[in-house]
Amino acid sequence: MPIINRYLQREILLPFFYTLLVVVFILLFGQLFKLVNMVVSEGIRVWDITRMVIDMIPQMMTMALPISFFFAVLVGVGRLVGDSEVVALTAAGVSPFKIFIPVLQIAIFCTITTLLMSTWLAPFGIRHLRKVTFDILREKVTLALHSQRLNLAFPNMAIYLGEIDRESGRVASVFIEDRRRSEHPQTITALKGMIVSDLQTSTLLLQLENGTIHEYDQQGESYQVTDFSQYRINFAISALLGAKLHVGLMNKARSNSDLIQKIALEKSQGEETARTVATLYERFTQPFSCLAFALLGVALALVPVRSGARFQGFIFGLLFLLAYYLTGMIAEPLTKWQPSLAPFFFCLPNLIFILLGTLLLTIKQYEIEFSNFFWKRLMSVLKYSVYLKRKSW
């Protein structure tokens, strides 16, 4: 039996590694154009781009590992079915449950690996990605603000900078139209300034020197001019990334203890905790999808291959995979509706598909016994009904 287990595992591991490479490439593909543009247009060093890609991979692996394992099971076990090797194994006394044992061993390994990725490596990678991004912003300020050009990257602001020293971050001839406070629009001019970044607060800071602020009060219909020797303007990095994306990245970058503290703080302040709770529970529940996919994959792959239906198990696998992630998407809205049941809502996709996979695999294991069982029960019910009817006569 150990020989058969090793043989089955080899049949799964090879397509698993191939599929993993393909899935990671697909997930990276959406970022490739942006990264290539940063190299070509902005002059970012290839080494910095490589560091960013390495930091992205752990977060991508949390999704890529379960998906790759699922399709590897479908391909590996499906090949055994297509070549009638499962028939030979069944004739030798190897049942579907015994076929599932080596698959389960790989599933446990994938679950532990994905759990380490989601709870430790992925948050660390995102934190390091933010650090690399800020290093790039410090070295290449043109990513956020361009010299001798009207910059509209920040909402409700128009910024013009004359010259930018790429080494020190110093700027000259600054003109800013600031309408972030719509009732008090400001026009700011300065002879010089400096661009610095703050990693802790996720902001870019523009320190201006020797300038003037023109402010108009729309309600009071008054106009005010103020001269200054030093003045600071903060630009949130979320304005460059998008506010929703920024919040999500901030939560995903936090450690587990930080997330727990943030949830407690949000509860004490009466704020919405669903998004933070979702980030925390997804880290611990998503890795166990490997166990659900192991059961489903073996059950679907063991369906006999018929002419014209060779990819039937693969198509059903895609549908089940889509259904799994759609079920997971409703966990956060349900948490908003009933926060006390949040652990159950985030475990629900795994519970549903583990039960479904167990049912399908059990039916496959005892398909003859089940058919005889239900047929005998049906005949006994019919005979008992006839007996009661005759007795009533």
Protein backbone atom coordinates (compact mmCIF):
# COMPACT_ATOMS: atom_id res chain seq x y z
CA MET A 1 0.00 0.00 0.00
CA PRO A 2 2.82 2.56 0.65
CA ILE A 3 3.96 1.98 -2.94
CA ILE A 4 0.46 2.76 -4.24
CA ASN A 5 0.27 5.86 -2.03
CA ARG A 6 3.57 7.18 -3.38
CA TYR A 7 2.43 6.45 -6.93
CA LEU A 8 -0.83 8.36 -6.43
CA GLN A 9 0.99 11.28 -4.83
CA ARG A 10 3.42 11.52 -7.75
CA GLU A 11 0.47 11.64 -10.13
CA ILE A 12 -0.88 14.66 -8.21
CA LEU A 13 2.31 16.55 -7.31
CA LEU A 14 3.55 17.02 -10.89
CA PRO A 15 0.37 18.74 -12.20
CA PHE A 16 0.18 20.58 -8.87
CA PHE A 17 3.51 22.37 -9.42
CA TYR A 18 2.68 23.13 -13.06
CA THR A 19 -0.74 24.50 -12.13
CA LEU A 20 0.75 26.52 -9.27
CA LEU A 21 3.14 28.27 -11.66
CA VAL A 22 0.31 29.05 -14.08
CA VAL A 23 -2.03 30.40 -11.39
CA VAL A 24 0.68 32.60 -9.83
CA PHE A 25 1.55 33.94 -13.29
CA ILE A 26 -2.11 34.73 -13.97
CA LEU A 27 -2.40 36.58 -10.65
CA LEU A 28 0.81 38.49 -11.40
CA PHE A 29 -0.24 39.25 -14.96
CA GLY A 30 -2.60 42.00 -13.81
CA GLN A 31 0.34 43.81 -12.21
CA LEU A 32 2.88 43.21 -14.98
CA PHE A 33 1.86 46.16 -17.17
CA LYS A 34 2.04 48.53 -14.21
CA LEU A 35 5.44 47.16 -13.16
CA VAL A 36 6.85 47.31 -16.69
CA ASN A 37 5.60 50.88 -17.03
CA MET A 38 7.39 51.78 -13.80
CA VAL A 39 10.65 50.40 -15.23
CA VAL A 40 10.32 52.00 -18.67
CA SER A 41 8.63 55.33 -17.91
CA GLU A 42 9.73 56.10 -14.36
CA GLY A 43 13.19 54.56 -14.39
CA ILE A 44 12.61 52.28 -11.39
CA ARG A 45 15.41 49.79 -10.91
CA VAL A 46 14.72 46.18 -11.89
CA TRP A 47 15.93 45.09 -8.43
CA ASP A 48 13.22 47.20 -6.76
CA ILE A 49 10.58 45.68 -9.04
CA THR A 50 11.89 42.20 -8.18
CA ARG A 51 11.57 42.99 -4.47
CA MET A 52 7.98 44.13 -5.01
CA VAL A 53 7.10 40.94 -6.91
CA ILE A 54 8.65 38.77 -4.18
CA ASP A 55 6.61 40.64 -1.56
CA MET A 56 3.39 40.09 -3.56
CA ILE A 57 3.86 36.33 -3.97
CA PRO A 58 2.92 35.20 -0.39
CA GLN A 59 -0.46 36.94 -0.62
CA MET A 60 -1.08 35.40 -4.04
CA MET A 61 -0.05 31.97 -2.77
CA THR A 62 -2.87 31.97 -0.22
CA MET A 63 -5.28 31.70 -3.15
CA ALA A 64 -3.04 29.91 -5.64
CA LEU A 65 -2.19 26.91 -3.42
CA PRO A 66 -5.79 25.67 -2.83
CA ILE A 67 -6.84 26.28 -6.45
CA SER A 68 -3.74 24.55 -7.85
CA PHE A 69 -4.19 21.59 -5.52
CA PHE A 70 -7.85 21.20 -6.54
CA PHE A 71 -7.07 21.06 -10.26
CA ALA A 72 -4.06 18.82 -9.64
CA VAL A 73 -6.37 16.30 -7.94
CA LEU A 74 -8.78 16.47 -10.87
CA VAL A 75 -5.98 15.98 -13.39
CA GLY A 76 -4.01 13.35 -11.47
CA VAL A 77 -6.89 11.12 -10.37
CA GLY A 78 -8.71 11.81 -13.65
CA ARG A 79 -5.77 10.37 -15.59
CA LEU A 80 -5.89 7.21 -13.50
CA VAL A 81 -9.60 6.90 -14.28
CA GLY A 82 -9.06 7.58 -17.99
CA ASP A 83 -6.37 4.89 -18.24
CA SER A 84 -8.53 2.41 -16.28
CA GLU A 85 -5.94 2.23 -13.52
CA VAL A 86 -8.63 2.92 -10.93
CA VAL A 87 -10.49 -0.16 -12.19
CA ALA A 88 -7.33 -2.20 -11.64
CA LEU A 89 -6.84 -0.70 -8.18
CA THR A 90 -10.47 -1.45 -7.30
CA ALA A 91 -10.04 -5.04 -8.45
CA ALA A 92 -6.98 -5.24 -6.18
CA GLY A 93 -9.07 -4.10 -3.22
CA VAL A 94 -8.16 -0.40 -3.22
CA SER A 95 -11.39 1.46 -2.46
CA PRO A 96 -12.07 5.19 -3.16
CA PHE A 97 -11.46 5.96 0.52
CA LYS A 98 -8.02 4.33 0.27
CA ILE A 99 -7.32 6.38 -2.87
CA PHE A 100 -8.27 9.45 -0.87
CA ILE A 101 -5.66 8.79 1.89
CA PRO A 102 -2.54 9.91 -0.08
CA VAL A 103 -4.54 12.87 -1.44
CA LEU A 104 -5.45 13.81 2.13
CA GLN A 105 -1.78 13.77 3.12
CA ILE A 106 -0.97 16.32 0.41
CA ALA A 107 -4.06 18.33 1.40
CA ILE A 108 -2.84 18.55 5.00
CA PHE A 109 0.57 19.74 3.81
CA CYS A 110 -1.07 22.39 1.56
CA THR A 111 -3.33 23.48 4.43
CA ILE A 112 -0.40 23.99 6.81
CA THR A 113 1.62 25.82 4.13
CA THR A 114 -1.31 28.07 3.20
CA LEU A 115 -1.99 28.75 6.88
CA LEU A 116 1.60 29.89 7.41
CA MET A 117 1.36 32.05 4.30
CA SER A 118 -1.92 33.73 5.24
CA THR A 119 -1.21 34.30 8.94
CA TRP A 120 2.46 35.30 8.80
CA LEU A 121 4.24 35.55 5.44
CA ALA A 122 1.50 37.43 3.55
CA PRO A 123 1.10 40.26 6.14
CA PHE A 124 4.88 40.51 6.43
CA GLY A 125 5.19 40.69 2.64
CA ILE A 126 2.59 43.46 2.39
CA ARG A 127 4.32 45.45 5.13
CA HIS A 128 7.64 45.07 3.35
CA LEU A 129 5.95 46.00 0.05
CA ARG A 130 4.76 49.25 1.61
CA LYS A 131 8.31 49.94 2.82
CA VAL A 132 9.74 49.29 -0.66
CA THR A 133 7.06 51.55 -2.16
CA PHE A 134 7.98 54.36 0.21
CA ASP A 135 11.65 53.88 -0.56
CA ILE A 136 10.81 54.28 -4.24
CA LEU A 137 8.70 57.36 -3.51
CA ARG A 138 11.60 58.90 -1.64
CA GLU A 139 14.10 58.11 -4.39
CA LYS A 140 11.80 58.75 -7.34
CA VAL A 141 9.43 61.51 -6.31
CA THR A 142 8.18 61.74 -9.89
CA LEU A 143 6.00 58.70 -9.16
CA ALA A 144 3.75 60.98 -7.12
CA LEU A 145 4.60 64.51 -8.27
CA HIS A 146 6.10 65.49 -11.63
CA SER A 147 8.22 68.54 -12.23
CA GLN A 148 7.08 71.34 -14.57
CA ARG A 149 3.69 69.71 -14.96
CA LEU A 150 0.23 70.22 -13.49
CA ASN A 151 -0.30 67.28 -11.13
CA LEU A 152 -3.89 66.09 -10.56
CA ALA A 153 -3.11 62.78 -8.82
CA PHE A 154 -4.54 63.98 -5.50
CA PRO A 155 -8.32 64.58 -5.34
CA ASN A 156 -9.47 68.20 -5.14
CA MET A 157 -5.91 69.47 -5.58
CA ALA A 158 -3.92 70.88 -8.49
CA ILE A 159 -0.16 71.08 -7.91
CA TYR A 160 2.55 72.64 -10.03
CA LEU A 161 6.23 72.24 -9.17
CA GLY A 162 8.98 74.03 -11.03
CA GLU A 163 12.08 71.94 -10.41
CA ILE A 164 12.62 68.78 -8.34
CA ASP A 165 15.99 67.65 -7.02
CA ARG A 166 15.74 63.85 -7.36
CA GLU A 167 18.44 63.22 -4.76
CA SER A 168 17.27 65.43 -1.89
CA GLY A 169 13.57 65.84 -2.76
CA ARG A 170 13.81 69.63 -2.72
CA VAL A 171 11.44 71.57 -5.00
CA ALA A 172 11.26 75.14 -6.30
CA SER A 173 8.46 77.42 -7.53
CA VAL A 174 5.44 75.75 -5.93
CA PHE A 175 1.83 76.57 -6.87
CA ILE A 176 -1.08 74.65 -5.23
CA GLU A 177 -4.83 75.00 -5.70
CA ASP A 178 -6.36 73.25 -2.67
CA ARG A 179 -10.13 72.61 -2.69
CA ARG A 180 -10.25 69.78 -0.15
CA ARG A 181 -12.27 72.10 2.05
CA SER A 182 -14.84 73.25 -0.46
CA GLU A 183 -16.08 76.13 1.71
CA HIS A 184 -12.53 77.47 2.23
CA PRO A 185 -10.57 77.00 -1.03
CA GLN A 186 -6.90 77.96 -0.84
CA THR A 187 -4.27 79.03 -3.32
CA ILE A 188 -0.74 78.46 -2.01
CA THR A 189 2.50 79.71 -3.54
CA ALA A 190 6.01 79.21 -2.25
CA LEU A 191 9.54 79.82 -3.45
CA LYS A 192 10.82 76.39 -2.38
CA GLY A 193 10.03 73.28 -0.38
CA MET A 194 10.88 69.63 0.22
CA ILE A 195 9.01 66.36 -0.36
CA VAL A 196 9.38 63.74 2.40
CA SER A 197 7.47 60.53 3.13
CA ASP A 198 6.25 59.10 6.44
CA LEU A 199 5.89 55.30 6.45
CA GLN A 200 4.07 55.16 9.80
CA THR A 201 1.25 57.49 8.74
CA SER A 202 1.27 56.53 5.03
CA THR A 203 1.58 60.14 3.92
CA LEU A 204 3.70 62.32 1.70
CA LEU A 205 4.62 65.58 3.35
CA LEU A 206 5.37 68.75 1.39
CA GLN A 207 7.30 71.24 3.54
CA LEU A 208 7.04 74.72 2.03
CA GLU A 209 9.20 77.74 2.80
CA ASN A 210 8.68 81.47 2.18
CA GLY A 211 5.24 81.54 0.62
CA THR A 212 1.73 82.96 0.68
CA ILE A 213 -1.75 81.49 1.31
CA HIS A 214 -4.77 83.04 -0.40
CA GLU A 215 -7.97 81.77 1.27
CA TYR A 216 -11.55 82.58 0.35
CA ASP A 217 -14.41 82.08 2.81
CA GLN A 218 -17.52 81.39 0.72
CA GLN A 219 -19.96 81.62 3.62
CA GLY A 220 -18.57 84.86 5.07
CA GLU A 221 -17.64 86.12 1.62
CA SER A 222 -14.24 87.21 2.91
CA TYR A 223 -10.75 86.96 1.45
CA GLN A 224 -7.60 86.43 3.49
CA VAL A 225 -3.91 86.57 2.56
CA THR A 226 -1.32 85.01 4.87
CA ASP A 227 2.46 85.03 4.48
CA PHE A 228 4.45 82.20 6.02
CA SER A 229 8.07 81.21 6.47
CA GLN A 230 7.25 77.48 6.84
CA TYR A 231 4.09 75.51 6.00
CA ARG A 232 3.29 71.80 5.73
CA ILE A 233 0.80 69.99 3.49
CA ASN A 234 0.02 66.29 3.93
CA PHE A 235 -0.89 64.07 1.00
CA ALA A 236 -2.43 60.69 1.91
CA ILE A 237 -1.00 57.79 -0.08
CA SER A 238 -4.57 56.44 -0.21
CA ALA A 239 -5.26 59.21 -2.73
CA LEU A 240 -2.79 57.52 -5.08
CA LEU A 241 -3.97 53.95 -4.40
CA GLY A 242 -7.68 54.55 -3.90
CA ALA A 243 -9.26 54.78 -0.45
CA LYS A 244 -10.89 51.34 -0.42
CA LEU A 245 -7.74 49.63 -1.66
CA HIS A 246 -5.69 51.50 0.92
CA VAL A 247 -7.92 50.36 3.80
CA GLY A 248 -7.80 46.77 2.60
CA LEU A 249 -4.02 46.84 2.30
CA MET A 250 -3.70 48.38 5.75
CA ASN A 251 -5.78 45.57 7.28
CA LYS A 252 -3.94 42.88 5.34
CA ALA A 253 -0.60 44.34 6.40
CA ARG A 254 -1.45 44.10 10.09
CA SER A 255 -0.36 41.16 12.23
CA ASN A 256 -2.96 38.98 13.92
CA SER A 257 -2.47 40.67 17.30
CA ASP A 258 -2.81 44.11 15.67
CA LEU A 259 -6.07 43.05 14.02
CA ILE A 260 -7.46 41.80 17.35
CA GLN A 261 -6.54 45.09 19.01
CA LYS A 262 -8.09 47.06 16.15
CA ILE A 263 -11.34 45.07 16.41
CA ALA A 264 -11.50 45.77 20.16
CA LEU A 265 -10.84 49.48 19.52
CA GLU A 266 -13.51 49.69 16.82
CA LYS A 267 -16.03 48.00 19.11
CA SER A 268 -15.25 50.40 21.97
CA GLN A 269 -15.74 53.36 19.64
CA GLY A 270 -18.92 51.95 18.13
CA GLU A 271 -17.42 51.66 14.63
CA GLU A 272 -18.06 49.01 11.97
CA THR A 273 -15.80 45.96 12.53
CA ALA A 274 -16.92 43.71 9.66
CA ARG A 275 -14.00 44.47 7.33
CA THR A 276 -11.35 43.96 10.01
CA VAL A 277 -13.08 40.79 11.26
CA ALA A 278 -13.22 39.50 7.68
CA THR A 279 -9.47 40.00 7.23
CA LEU A 280 -8.72 38.13 10.47
CA TYR A 281 -11.05 35.16 9.96
CA GLU A 282 -10.17 34.72 6.28
CA ARG A 283 -6.56 34.11 7.30
CA PHE A 284 -7.55 31.11 9.42
CA THR A 285 -10.45 29.66 7.40
CA GLN A 286 -9.32 29.94 3.77
CA PRO A 287 -6.38 27.49 4.12
CA PHE A 288 -8.79 24.69 5.13
CA SER A 289 -10.34 24.88 1.67
CA CYS A 290 -7.59 22.41 0.68
CA LEU A 291 -9.39 19.71 2.68
CA ALA A 292 -12.71 20.50 1.01
CA PHE A 293 -11.07 20.52 -2.43
CA ALA A 294 -9.39 17.17 -1.71
CA LEU A 295 -12.73 15.50 -1.03
CA LEU A 296 -14.48 17.18 -3.96
CA GLY A 297 -11.58 16.60 -6.34
CA VAL A 298 -11.35 12.86 -5.67
CA ALA A 299 -15.13 12.40 -5.80
CA LEU A 300 -15.45 14.28 -9.12
CA ALA A 301 -12.38 12.68 -10.71
CA LEU A 302 -13.58 9.15 -9.90
CA VAL A 303 -16.58 9.58 -12.18
CA PRO A 304 -16.02 7.14 -15.10
CA VAL A 305 -14.93 8.82 -18.32
CA ARG A 306 -17.36 8.39 -21.21
CA SER A 307 -16.95 9.40 -24.82
CA GLY A 308 -17.75 13.08 -25.30
CA ALA A 309 -17.61 13.72 -21.54
CA ARG A 310 -13.86 13.60 -20.87
CA PHE A 311 -13.84 17.07 -19.31
CA GLN A 312 -17.05 16.63 -17.36
CA GLY A 313 -15.26 16.43 -14.00
CA PHE A 314 -13.12 19.44 -14.90
CA ILE A 315 -16.20 21.53 -15.77
CA PHE A 316 -17.95 20.52 -12.56
CA GLY A 317 -14.74 21.39 -10.72
CA LEU A 318 -14.82 24.92 -12.15
CA LEU A 319 -18.45 25.30 -11.11
CA PHE A 320 -17.76 24.06 -7.57
CA LEU A 321 -14.72 26.34 -7.32
CA LEU A 322 -16.82 29.33 -8.38
CA ALA A 323 -19.57 28.34 -5.95
CA TYR A 324 -17.04 28.06 -3.11
CA TYR A 325 -15.67 31.57 -3.55
CA LEU A 326 -19.14 33.04 -4.14
CA THR A 327 -20.24 31.48 -0.86
CA GLY A 328 -17.21 33.01 0.84
CA MET A 329 -18.08 36.46 -0.50
CA ILE A 330 -21.33 36.61 1.47
CA ALA A 331 -19.55 36.01 4.79
CA GLU A 332 -18.71 39.69 5.34
CA PRO A 333 -22.27 40.98 4.65
CA LEU A 334 -23.64 38.28 6.97
CA THR A 335 -21.14 39.39 9.62
CA LYS A 336 -22.48 42.94 9.38
CA TRP A 337 -25.98 41.52 9.88
CA GLN A 338 -25.08 39.24 12.82
CA PRO A 339 -21.58 39.97 14.21
CA SER A 340 -21.81 37.32 16.94
CA LEU A 341 -21.97 34.54 14.30
CA ALA A 342 -18.91 35.73 12.37
CA PRO A 343 -16.81 32.56 13.03
CA PHE A 344 -19.63 30.37 11.72
CA PHE A 345 -20.17 32.52 8.60
CA PHE A 346 -16.50 32.35 7.62
CA CYS A 347 -16.32 28.60 8.28
CA LEU A 348 -19.55 28.00 6.34
CA PRO A 349 -17.98 27.52 2.84
CA ASN A 350 -15.54 24.92 4.18
CA LEU A 351 -18.27 23.13 6.14
CA ILE A 352 -20.62 23.00 3.15
CA PHE A 353 -18.05 21.69 0.70
CA ILE A 354 -16.42 19.26 3.14
CA LEU A 355 -19.85 17.75 3.80
CA LEU A 356 -20.63 17.73 0.07
CA GLY A 357 -17.31 16.10 -0.78
CA THR A 358 -17.74 13.51 1.98
CA LEU A 359 -21.24 12.69 0.70
CA LEU A 360 -20.09 12.30 -2.92
CA LEU A 361 -17.09 10.18 -1.94
CA THR A 362 -19.23 7.99 0.34
CA ILE A 363 -21.73 7.46 -2.49
CA LYS A 364 -18.85 6.49 -4.76
CA GLN A 365 -17.49 4.12 -2.11
CA TYR A 366 -20.79 2.35 -1.51
CA GLU A 367 -22.62 2.99 -4.80
CA ILE A 368 -23.66 -0.68 -5.20
CA GLU A 369 -24.58 -1.06 -1.57
CA PHE A 370 -26.57 2.20 -1.67
CA SER A 371 -28.50 1.15 -4.76
CA ASN A 372 -29.36 -2.21 -3.22
CA PHE A 373 -30.17 -0.53 0.08
CA PHE A 374 -32.57 2.00 -1.41
CA TRP A 375 -34.13 -0.63 -3.69
CA LYS A 376 -34.75 -2.98 -0.75
CA ARG A 377 -36.18 -0.14 1.34
CA LEU A 378 -38.47 0.87 -1.53
CA MET A 379 -39.71 -2.71 -2.01
CA SER A 380 -40.30 -3.15 1.72
CA VAL A 381 -42.31 0.09 1.86
CA LEU A 382 -44.41 -1.01 -1.11
CA LYS A 383 -45.03 -4.45 0.41
CA TYR A 384 -45.96 -2.91 3.75
CA SER A 385 -48.37 -0.52 2.01
CA VAL A 386 -50.05 -3.43 0.18
CA TYR A 387 -50.28 -5.34 3.49
CA LEU A 388 -51.97 -2.42 5.26
CA LYS A 389 -54.39 -1.96 2.39
CA ARG A 390 -55.37 -5.62 2.37
CA LYS A 391 -55.76 -5.56 6.14
CA SER A 392 -58.10 -2.58 5.93
CA TRP A 393 -60.27 -4.50 3.47
